[in-house]
């Protein structure tokens, strides 16, 4: 199993804040299955970007040349000749790109790549999300009440302090979402303790980025509520992320306004992340921190330090050997 330094997850930002939002998921067309089955050949194209390429391996009969075949089930590739299986739980699961064993559907099609996952919102998910946001709302209300009391009932001062906290939390949450996104994109797999399902979901997202738009609010964010360490804005980042994959016509006017103002991550800025080797633009709250983090080479510096500690290479390195070489030479700045 892949070694994994859990310290990279300690960068999560814990800021008391409350937020609530809901946008309905896109109706799943009857012709678009949520689970796909496909036979693919070992002779697949080289790894490529989900946004730039739509080609997938073609089926090759076993009785012609004795070539190997693979059949695609959610999150798993099976070698029909040798009986071995390749799962999203194991090492080598890099974003579900060409040659990874996961189907990359053409067009705006939903494809659930993590075994056991579903696009259906369940009562359990609603309960977990509701309880989590209720707790965060309580923490935020309690903090405001205490500040109001300590300021001798000064409403104006309390309002300014609350607004300042929200703005600061939004910026810090954007930074936190970037560090978290970078970590789960590049390290660990489905077997990683506690975070395994989240890691597999984030990495598999690159194989079918439109799938997130078919998820309802609770179905989309509930995984981030399980480890109760994320602030409300951090949890909401997954919904803001979903909006960036939806078209202008699919989102409410107020969502488009938030994106135009730079309060919520926009479609074009996030699309830059979905270009192989997925080495930048990780922040998904507002994206305000992306330029500074990428230009400073922050994530390459982190990858270099992790490699020095435990010898583990990031997934971005695996996709781009030149990026690996530049990083090991200390050239950390992201090349745009």
Protein backbone atom coordinates (compact mmCIF):
# COMPACT_ATOMS: atom_id res chain seq x y z
CA UNK A 1 0.00 0.00 0.00
CA UNK A 2 1.11 3.53 -0.68
CA UNK A 3 2.84 5.27 2.20
CA UNK A 4 0.97 8.37 3.18
CA UNK A 5 2.05 11.23 5.40
CA UNK A 6 -1.12 12.24 7.23
CA UNK A 7 0.46 15.50 8.39
CA UNK A 8 -0.47 17.13 5.10
CA UNK A 9 -4.10 17.02 6.17
CA UNK A 10 -3.43 19.09 9.30
CA UNK A 11 -3.50 22.23 7.12
CA UNK A 12 -7.27 22.23 7.19
CA UNK A 13 -8.54 25.62 8.29
CA UNK A 14 -10.82 25.60 11.32
CA UNK A 15 -12.78 28.84 11.44
CA UNK A 16 -16.21 29.14 13.10
CA UNK A 17 -18.62 30.35 10.47
CA UNK A 18 -22.01 29.32 9.19
CA UNK A 19 -23.34 29.24 5.69
CA UNK A 20 -26.17 27.57 3.86
CA UNK A 21 -26.98 27.28 0.19
CA UNK A 22 -28.77 24.93 -2.10
CA UNK A 23 -28.89 24.46 -5.81
CA UNK A 24 -30.75 21.51 -7.26
CA UNK A 25 -28.80 18.87 -9.06
CA UNK A 26 -29.18 18.53 -12.81
CA UNK A 27 -31.77 15.93 -13.70
CA UNK A 28 -30.05 12.75 -14.79
CA UNK A 29 -31.15 11.84 -18.33
CA UNK A 30 -32.73 8.43 -18.67
CA UNK A 31 -30.17 7.56 -21.32
CA UNK A 32 -27.23 8.42 -19.07
CA UNK A 33 -26.44 5.50 -16.73
CA UNK A 34 -24.86 6.35 -13.41
CA UNK A 35 -22.79 3.16 -13.57
CA UNK A 36 -21.14 2.21 -16.83
CA UNK A 37 -19.65 -1.04 -18.08
CA UNK A 38 -17.07 -1.01 -20.82
CA UNK A 39 -14.47 -3.40 -22.21
CA UNK A 40 -11.11 -1.74 -22.74
CA UNK A 41 -7.79 -2.91 -24.13
CA UNK A 42 -4.42 -2.71 -22.47
CA UNK A 43 -3.42 -0.80 -25.62
CA UNK A 44 -4.74 2.55 -24.38
CA UNK A 45 -3.54 6.02 -25.35
CA UNK A 46 -1.11 7.90 -23.10
CA UNK A 47 -2.44 9.77 -20.10
CA UNK A 48 -4.25 12.91 -21.15
CA UNK A 49 -6.47 15.71 -19.92
CA UNK A 50 -10.15 15.07 -19.35
CA UNK A 51 -10.99 18.42 -20.91
CA UNK A 52 -8.75 18.00 -23.92
CA UNK A 53 -9.44 14.41 -24.92
CA UNK A 54 -12.52 12.24 -25.14
CA UNK A 55 -10.95 9.11 -26.61
CA UNK A 56 -10.97 5.85 -24.70
CA UNK A 57 -9.56 2.42 -25.39
CA UNK A 58 -11.45 0.23 -27.84
CA UNK A 59 -12.44 -3.36 -27.20
CA UNK A 60 -10.17 -5.99 -28.73
CA UNK A 61 -11.51 -9.59 -28.88
CA UNK A 62 -9.50 -12.16 -26.93
CA UNK A 63 -9.56 -14.60 -29.85
CA UNK A 64 -7.56 -12.24 -32.06
CA UNK A 65 -3.90 -12.35 -31.18
CA UNK A 66 -4.54 -13.36 -27.59
CA UNK A 67 -4.57 -9.77 -26.42
CA UNK A 68 -5.74 -8.84 -22.94
CA UNK A 69 -9.12 -7.31 -22.24
CA UNK A 70 -10.45 -5.38 -19.28
CA UNK A 71 -14.01 -4.89 -18.24
CA UNK A 72 -15.04 -1.71 -16.47
CA UNK A 73 -17.14 -1.80 -13.33
CA UNK A 74 -17.51 1.13 -10.92
CA UNK A 75 -14.04 1.84 -9.59
CA UNK A 76 -12.42 -1.38 -10.84
CA UNK A 77 -10.59 -2.76 -13.88
CA UNK A 78 -10.54 -6.54 -14.32
CA UNK A 79 -8.03 -8.49 -16.40
CA UNK A 80 -10.24 -11.14 -18.01
CA UNK A 81 -7.30 -13.34 -18.97
CA UNK A 82 -5.42 -13.35 -15.68
CA UNK A 83 -8.32 -12.72 -13.32
CA UNK A 84 -6.51 -9.88 -11.54
CA UNK A 85 -8.30 -6.68 -10.56
CA UNK A 86 -7.25 -3.06 -10.39
CA UNK A 87 -9.29 -0.96 -8.01
CA UNK A 88 -9.54 2.69 -7.09
CA UNK A 89 -8.43 1.50 -3.65
CA UNK A 90 -4.94 0.65 -4.84
CA UNK A 91 -1.81 2.49 -5.93
CA UNK A 92 -1.79 3.55 -9.57
CA UNK A 93 -5.27 5.06 -9.47
CA UNK A 94 -4.31 8.40 -11.04
CA UNK A 95 -7.38 10.46 -11.78
CA UNK A 96 -9.12 7.78 -13.84
CA UNK A 97 -7.42 8.93 -17.02
CA UNK A 98 -6.73 6.93 -20.17
CA UNK A 99 -5.08 3.66 -19.25
CA UNK A 100 -6.13 3.78 -15.60
CA UNK A 101 -8.95 1.28 -16.08
CA UNK A 102 -11.77 3.76 -15.51
CA UNK A 103 -14.10 4.73 -18.31
CA UNK A 104 -13.96 8.37 -19.40
CA UNK A 105 -17.42 9.00 -20.89
CA UNK A 106 -17.93 11.39 -23.75
CA UNK A 107 -19.98 14.54 -23.29
CA UNK A 108 -21.77 15.73 -20.19
CA UNK A 109 -22.44 12.29 -18.77
CA UNK A 110 -22.63 11.21 -15.14
CA UNK A 111 -20.31 8.36 -14.23
CA UNK A 112 -19.91 7.19 -10.63
CA UNK A 113 -16.35 5.87 -10.37
CA UNK A 114 -16.18 5.01 -6.67
CA UNK A 115 -17.66 1.66 -5.76
CA UNK A 116 -20.66 2.02 -3.46
CA UNK A 117 -21.19 5.69 -4.32
CA UNK A 118 -24.50 6.95 -5.69
CA UNK A 119 -26.05 10.12 -7.07
CA UNK A 120 -29.13 9.58 -4.93
CA UNK A 121 -29.57 11.76 -1.85
CA UNK A 122 -30.36 9.60 1.17
CA UNK A 123 -32.01 10.46 4.52
CA UNK A 124 -28.70 9.63 6.21
CA UNK A 125 -26.87 12.23 4.12
CA UNK A 126 -29.53 14.83 4.89
CA UNK A 127 -29.25 14.06 8.60
CA UNK A 128 -25.45 14.27 8.65
CA UNK A 129 -25.35 17.56 6.71
CA UNK A 130 -28.18 19.11 8.74
CA UNK A 131 -26.55 18.18 12.05
CA UNK A 132 -23.15 19.46 10.92
CA UNK A 133 -24.43 22.84 9.76
CA UNK A 134 -26.62 23.17 12.87
CA UNK A 135 -23.53 22.65 15.03
CA UNK A 136 -21.54 25.22 13.06
CA UNK A 137 -24.41 27.68 13.27
CA UNK A 138 -24.47 27.20 17.04
CA UNK A 139 -20.72 27.86 17.30
CA UNK A 140 -21.01 31.00 15.17
CA UNK A 141 -24.07 32.32 17.06
CA UNK A 142 -22.38 31.65 20.39
CA UNK A 143 -19.24 33.51 19.28
CA UNK A 144 -21.29 36.52 18.14
CA UNK A 145 -23.26 36.54 21.39
CA UNK A 146 -20.08 36.51 23.45
CA UNK A 147 -18.55 39.34 21.46
CA UNK A 148 -21.79 41.33 21.78
CA UNK A 149 -21.69 40.84 25.53
CA UNK A 150 -18.02 41.80 25.81
CA UNK A 151 -18.61 44.96 23.77
CA UNK A 152 -21.31 46.08 26.21
CA UNK A 153 -24.07 45.58 23.68
CA UNK A 154 -22.47 47.61 20.90
CA UNK A 155 -24.42 46.39 17.87
CA UNK A 156 -22.36 48.27 15.28
CA UNK A 157 -19.06 46.98 16.62
CA UNK A 158 -20.42 43.45 16.80
CA UNK A 159 -21.65 43.65 13.21
CA UNK A 160 -18.27 44.92 11.97
CA UNK A 161 -16.45 42.18 13.87
CA UNK A 162 -18.79 39.50 12.51
CA UNK A 163 -18.40 40.77 8.94
CA UNK A 164 -14.62 40.91 9.31
CA UNK A 165 -14.59 37.35 10.62
CA UNK A 166 -16.67 36.13 7.68
CA UNK A 167 -14.38 37.83 5.14
CA UNK A 168 -11.24 36.51 6.84
CA UNK A 169 -12.80 33.04 7.10
CA UNK A 170 -13.70 33.09 3.41
CA UNK A 171 -10.10 33.88 2.41
CA UNK A 172 -8.60 31.37 4.84
CA UNK A 173 -11.10 28.73 3.72
CA UNK A 174 -10.05 29.32 0.12
CA UNK A 175 -6.44 28.69 1.13
CA UNK A 176 -7.52 25.64 3.14
CA UNK A 177 -9.55 24.26 0.25
CA UNK A 178 -6.48 24.57 -1.97
CA UNK A 179 -4.20 22.70 0.43
CA UNK A 180 -6.83 20.03 0.99
CA UNK A 181 -7.58 19.68 -2.73
CA UNK A 182 -3.87 19.41 -3.53
CA UNK A 183 -3.39 16.78 -0.82
CA UNK A 184 -6.25 14.47 -1.83
CA UNK A 185 -5.49 14.87 -5.55
CA UNK A 186 -1.87 13.88 -5.13
CA UNK A 187 -1.54 11.53 -2.18
CA UNK A 188 -3.27 8.48 -0.77
CA UNK A 189 -5.94 6.26 -2.27
CA UNK A 190 -9.22 4.60 -1.37
CA UNK A 191 -7.56 2.59 1.40
CA UNK A 192 -6.23 5.62 3.26
CA UNK A 193 -7.71 5.63 6.79
CA UNK A 194 -10.59 8.07 7.41
CA UNK A 195 -10.01 10.06 4.22
CA UNK A 196 -10.02 7.16 1.72
CA UNK A 197 -13.48 7.70 0.24
CA UNK A 198 -12.86 11.45 -0.11
CA UNK A 199 -9.49 10.87 -1.78
CA UNK A 200 -10.95 8.39 -4.27
CA UNK A 201 -13.86 10.72 -5.03
CA UNK A 202 -11.61 13.74 -5.67
CA UNK A 203 -9.17 11.78 -7.82
CA UNK A 204 -11.96 10.00 -9.72
CA UNK A 205 -13.63 13.37 -10.35
CA UNK A 206 -11.04 14.04 -13.06
CA UNK A 207 -12.31 11.11 -15.11
CA UNK A 208 -15.89 12.44 -15.26
CA UNK A 209 -15.97 16.05 -13.99
CA UNK A 210 -19.61 16.56 -15.00
CA UNK A 211 -20.83 13.94 -12.51
CA UNK A 212 -20.74 16.44 -9.65
CA UNK A 213 -23.43 18.53 -11.37
CA UNK A 214 -25.92 15.68 -11.02
CA UNK A 215 -25.59 15.62 -7.24
CA UNK A 216 -28.01 17.31 -4.87
CA UNK A 217 -26.60 19.53 -2.13
CA UNK A 218 -26.50 16.96 0.68
CA UNK A 219 -25.25 14.19 -1.60
CA UNK A 220 -22.48 16.51 -2.76
CA UNK A 221 -21.11 17.75 0.58
CA UNK A 222 -21.87 15.02 3.11
CA UNK A 223 -18.48 13.28 2.85
CA UNK A 224 -16.80 16.44 4.13
CA UNK A 225 -19.06 16.33 7.18
CA UNK A 226 -17.85 12.90 8.34
CA UNK A 227 -14.49 13.98 9.77
CA UNK A 228 -15.85 16.86 11.88
CA UNK A 229 -12.83 19.08 11.35
CA UNK A 230 -13.90 21.35 8.50
CA UNK A 231 -15.49 24.75 8.91
CA UNK A 232 -18.82 25.42 7.22
CA UNK A 233 -17.21 27.37 4.37
CA UNK A 234 -14.78 24.51 3.74
CA UNK A 235 -17.70 22.10 3.50
CA UNK A 236 -19.53 24.52 1.20
CA UNK A 237 -16.50 24.60 -1.09
CA UNK A 238 -17.69 21.38 -2.69
CA UNK A 239 -20.98 23.04 -3.66
CA UNK A 240 -19.13 26.10 -4.98
CA UNK A 241 -17.00 23.62 -6.89
CA UNK A 242 -20.14 22.09 -8.38
CA UNK A 243 -21.35 25.47 -9.59
CA UNK A 244 -18.08 25.98 -11.48
CA UNK A 245 -18.88 22.87 -13.53
CA UNK A 246 -22.41 24.03 -14.38
CA UNK A 247 -23.33 26.32 -17.25
CA UNK A 248 -24.71 29.82 -16.82
CA UNK A 249 -28.21 28.58 -17.68
CA UNK A 250 -28.03 25.75 -15.14
CA UNK A 251 -27.27 27.96 -12.14
CA UNK A 252 -29.45 30.67 -10.54
CA UNK A 253 -28.70 34.30 -11.34
CA UNK A 254 -27.35 34.95 -7.86
CA UNK A 255 -24.79 32.15 -8.29
CA UNK A 256 -23.59 33.66 -11.56
CA UNK A 257 -23.32 37.02 -9.80
CA UNK A 258 -21.17 35.51 -7.03
CA UNK A 259 -18.87 34.05 -9.67
CA UNK A 260 -18.69 37.32 -11.60
CA UNK A 261 -17.75 39.15 -8.40
CA UNK A 262 -15.06 36.60 -7.57
CA UNK A 263 -16.78 35.56 -4.34
CA UNK A 264 -17.32 32.04 -5.65
CA UNK A 265 -14.84 30.14 -7.84
CA UNK A 266 -15.64 30.78 -11.50
CA UNK A 267 -15.93 28.40 -14.42
CA UNK A 268 -12.89 29.58 -16.37
CA UNK A 269 -10.50 29.75 -13.39
CA UNK A 270 -11.43 26.25 -12.26
CA UNK A 271 -11.24 24.86 -15.79
CA UNK A 272 -7.51 25.63 -15.66
CA UNK A 273 -7.16 23.04 -12.92
CA UNK A 274 -8.64 20.34 -15.16
CA UNK A 275 -5.65 20.37 -17.49
CA UNK A 276 -3.07 17.62 -17.01
CA UNK A 277 -0.97 17.28 -14.92
CA UNK A 278 -3.39 19.04 -12.54
CA UNK A 279 -0.60 20.89 -10.80
CA UNK A 280 -2.28 24.17 -9.87
CA UNK A 281 -5.46 26.21 -9.33
CA UNK A 282 -6.44 23.98 -6.41
CA UNK A 283 -8.43 26.56 -4.40
CA UNK A 284 -12.18 26.13 -4.92
CA UNK A 285 -13.92 28.58 -2.59
CA UNK A 286 -13.23 31.85 -4.40
CA UNK A 287 -9.89 31.07 -6.04
CA UNK A 288 -8.42 34.29 -4.67
CA UNK A 289 -5.40 32.43 -3.32
CA UNK A 290 -4.60 30.48 -6.50
CA UNK A 291 -2.37 33.03 -8.19
CA UNK A 292 -0.22 33.62 -5.11
CA UNK A 293 0.13 29.91 -4.33
CA UNK A 294 0.96 28.92 -7.92
CA UNK A 295 3.35 31.78 -8.59
CA UNK A 296 5.21 31.17 -5.33
CA UNK A 297 5.56 27.46 -6.05
CA UNK A 298 4.05 26.61 -2.68
CA UNK A 299 2.68 23.20 -3.70
CA UNK A 300 5.87 22.16 -5.51
CA UNK A 301 7.84 23.11 -2.39
CA UNK A 302 5.49 20.96 -0.30
CA UNK A 303 5.84 18.04 -2.71
CA UNK A 304 9.62 18.32 -2.54
CA UNK A 305 9.58 18.28 1.26
CA UNK A 306 7.25 15.25 1.36
CA UNK A 307 9.46 13.42 -1.12
CA UNK A 308 12.49 14.11 1.05
CA UNK A 309 10.68 12.78 4.13
CA UNK A 310 9.13 9.57 2.83
CA UNK A 311 10.05 9.21 -0.84
CA UNK A 312 6.44 9.47 -2.06
CA UNK A 313 5.92 11.22 -5.39
CA UNK A 314 2.82 13.31 -6.08
CA UNK A 315 0.38 12.21 -8.76
CA UNK A 316 1.21 15.40 -10.67
CA UNK A 317 4.82 14.18 -10.88
CA UNK A 318 3.65 10.83 -12.21
CA UNK A 319 1.76 12.59 -15.00
CA UNK A 320 4.58 14.99 -15.88
CA UNK A 321 8.18 13.77 -15.41
CA UNK A 322 9.44 17.22 -16.41
CA UNK A 323 7.48 18.75 -13.52
CA UNK A 324 9.15 16.22 -11.20
CA UNK A 325 12.61 17.10 -12.50
CA UNK A 326 12.00 20.85 -12.19
CA UNK A 327 10.74 20.44 -8.65
CA UNK A 328 13.72 18.34 -7.58
CA UNK A 329 15.95 21.08 -8.98
CA UNK A 330 14.17 23.60 -6.78
CA UNK A 331 12.26 25.28 -9.62
CA UNK A 332 8.92 25.49 -7.86
CA UNK A 333 7.03 28.21 -9.71
CA UNK A 334 4.13 26.93 -11.80
CA UNK A 335 4.78 27.41 -15.51
CA UNK A 336 1.66 28.96 -17.05
